[in-house]
Amino acid sequence: MNAISTPADEQAFTGRALGRLSDIGWGNRLRPMLAAQGPEGPVPADVAAAVVGVLADWARGPGGWSCGAADTPARWGW
């Protein structure tokens, strides 16, 4: 089997996710929102608040963009 590798400049940095679509919990909430025929409209307030919480925790933690470590990636990547 041949492995397909993604070029280094196209790889994502380590980050966080609110939930996996295959899991219960947030997955049950996110699947319908992200489905091909999902509803149009704003993200529900509870989902938006949870995403903000995950990003804030990550930003302050080791490797997060606001942790102050010299080797962390640039916040915007420009």
C-alpha atoms as a PDB file:
ATOM      1  CA  MET A   1       0.000   0.000   0.000  1.00  0.00           C
ATOM      2  CA  ASN A   2       1.352   3.432  -0.935  1.00  0.00           C
ATOM      3  CA  ALA A   3       1.052   6.170   1.631  1.00  0.00           C
ATOM      4  CA  ILE A   4       0.071   9.621   0.410  1.00  0.00           C
ATOM      5  CA  SER A   5       1.826  12.376   2.274  1.00  0.00           C
ATOM      6  CA  THR A   6       0.697  15.960   2.559  1.00  0.00           C
ATOM      7  CA  PRO A   7       3.363  18.570   1.781  1.00  0.00           C
ATOM      8  CA  ALA A   8       4.731  20.164   4.948  1.00  0.00           C
ATOM      9  CA  ASP A   9       3.446  23.633   4.039  1.00  0.00           C
ATOM     10  CA  GLU A  10      -0.108  22.249   3.741  1.00  0.00           C
ATOM     11  CA  GLN A  11      -0.180  20.343   7.029  1.00  0.00           C
ATOM     12  CA  ALA A  12      -2.256  21.597   9.923  1.00  0.00           C
ATOM     13  CA  PHE A  13      -0.714  22.581  13.222  1.00  0.00           C
ATOM     14  CA  THR A  14      -1.701  20.812  16.404  1.00  0.00           C
ATOM     15  CA  GLY A  15      -4.993  22.183  17.614  1.00  0.00           C
ATOM     16  CA  ARG A  16      -8.252  21.194  19.222  1.00  0.00           C
ATOM     17  CA  ALA A  17     -11.720  20.102  18.178  1.00  0.00           C
ATOM     18  CA  LEU A  18     -15.097  20.509  19.791  1.00  0.00           C
ATOM     19  CA  GLY A  19     -16.042  16.924  18.969  1.00  0.00           C
ATOM     20  CA  ARG A  20     -15.678  14.073  16.507  1.00  0.00           C
ATOM     21  CA  LEU A  21     -18.587  13.491  14.176  1.00  0.00           C
ATOM     22  CA  SER A  22     -18.334   9.747  14.844  1.00  0.00           C
ATOM     23  CA  ASP A  23     -18.716  10.151  18.611  1.00  0.00           C
ATOM     24  CA  ILE A  24     -21.679  10.719  20.877  1.00  0.00           C
ATOM     25  CA  GLY A  25     -21.915  13.972  22.790  1.00  0.00           C
ATOM     26  CA  TRP A  26     -20.932  16.905  20.563  1.00  0.00           C
ATOM     27  CA  GLY A  27     -20.851  14.583  17.548  1.00  0.00           C
ATOM     28  CA  ASN A  28     -24.620  14.122  17.854  1.00  0.00           C
ATOM     29  CA  ARG A  29     -25.048  17.905  17.874  1.00  0.00           C
ATOM     30  CA  LEU A  30     -22.557  18.650  15.079  1.00  0.00           C
ATOM     31  CA  ARG A  31     -23.481  15.943  12.532  1.00  0.00           C
ATOM     32  CA  PRO A  32     -26.779  17.510  11.431  1.00  0.00           C
ATOM     33  CA  MET A  33     -25.216  20.985  11.325  1.00  0.00           C
ATOM     34  CA  LEU A  34     -22.367  19.849   9.066  1.00  0.00           C
ATOM     35  CA  ALA A  35     -24.310  17.463   6.824  1.00  0.00           C
ATOM     36  CA  ALA A  36     -24.485  18.193   3.092  1.00  0.00           C
ATOM     37  CA  GLN A  37     -28.161  19.103   3.445  1.00  0.00           C
ATOM     38  CA  GLY A  38     -27.658  20.725   6.846  1.00  0.00           C
ATOM     39  CA  PRO A  39     -29.571  23.798   7.912  1.00  0.00           C
ATOM     40  CA  GLU A  40     -28.481  27.243   6.748  1.00  0.00           C
ATOM     41  CA  GLY A  41     -28.150  29.933   9.344  1.00  0.00           C
ATOM     42  CA  PRO A  42     -26.092  31.062  12.272  1.00  0.00           C
ATOM     43  CA  VAL A  43     -24.304  28.640  14.557  1.00  0.00           C
ATOM     44  CA  PRO A  44     -26.394  28.018  17.672  1.00  0.00           C
ATOM     45  CA  ALA A  45     -25.222  30.028  20.689  1.00  0.00           C
ATOM     46  CA  ASP A  46     -24.330  26.945  22.771  1.00  0.00           C
ATOM     47  CA  VAL A  47     -22.125  25.558  19.979  1.00  0.00           C
ATOM     48  CA  ALA A  48     -20.421  28.925  19.412  1.00  0.00           C
ATOM     49  CA  ALA A  49     -19.769  29.309  23.141  1.00  0.00           C
ATOM     50  CA  ALA A  50     -18.302  25.802  23.344  1.00  0.00           C
ATOM     51  CA  VAL A  51     -15.989  26.485  20.373  1.00  0.00           C
ATOM     52  CA  VAL A  52     -14.810  29.735  21.963  1.00  0.00           C
ATOM     53  CA  GLY A  53     -14.117  27.836  25.188  1.00  0.00           C
ATOM     54  CA  VAL A  54     -12.076  25.156  23.393  1.00  0.00           C
ATOM     55  CA  LEU A  55     -10.049  27.755  21.489  1.00  0.00           C
ATOM     56  CA  ALA A  56      -9.434  29.854  24.603  1.00  0.00           C
ATOM     57  CA  ASP A  57      -8.204  26.821  26.558  1.00  0.00           C
ATOM     58  CA  TRP A  58      -5.918  25.815  23.686  1.00  0.00           C
ATOM     59  CA  ALA A  59      -4.564  29.345  23.219  1.00  0.00           C
ATOM     60  CA  ARG A  60      -3.520  29.555  26.867  1.00  0.00           C
ATOM     61  CA  GLY A  61      -2.124  26.026  27.069  1.00  0.00           C
ATOM     62  CA  PRO A  62       1.259  24.591  26.035  1.00  0.00           C
ATOM     63  CA  GLY A  63       1.744  25.125  22.307  1.00  0.00           C
ATOM     64  CA  GLY A  64      -1.222  27.470  22.043  1.00  0.00           C
ATOM     65  CA  TRP A  65      -0.782  30.703  20.140  1.00  0.00           C
ATOM     66  CA  SER A  66      -0.898  32.885  23.238  1.00  0.00           C
ATOM     67  CA  CYS A  67       1.246  30.754  25.544  1.00  0.00           C
ATOM     68  CA  GLY A  68       4.312  32.944  24.886  1.00  0.00           C
ATOM     69  CA  ALA A  69       6.658  30.147  23.807  1.00  0.00           C
ATOM     70  CA  ALA A  70       9.162  31.185  21.150  1.00  0.00           C
ATOM     71  CA  ASP A  71       8.540  28.113  18.982  1.00  0.00           C
ATOM     72  CA  THR A  72       4.755  28.475  18.670  1.00  0.00           C
ATOM     73  CA  PRO A  73       3.432  29.097  15.158  1.00  0.00           C
ATOM     74  CA  ALA A  74       2.368  32.583  14.147  1.00  0.00           C
ATOM     75  CA  ARG A  75      -1.222  33.335  15.120  1.00  0.00           C
ATOM     76  CA  TRP A  76      -2.351  34.278  11.621  1.00  0.00           C
ATOM     77  CA  GLY A  77       0.228  32.471   9.464  1.00  0.00           C
ATOM     78  CA  TRP A  78       0.879  35.497   7.213  1.00  0.00           C
END
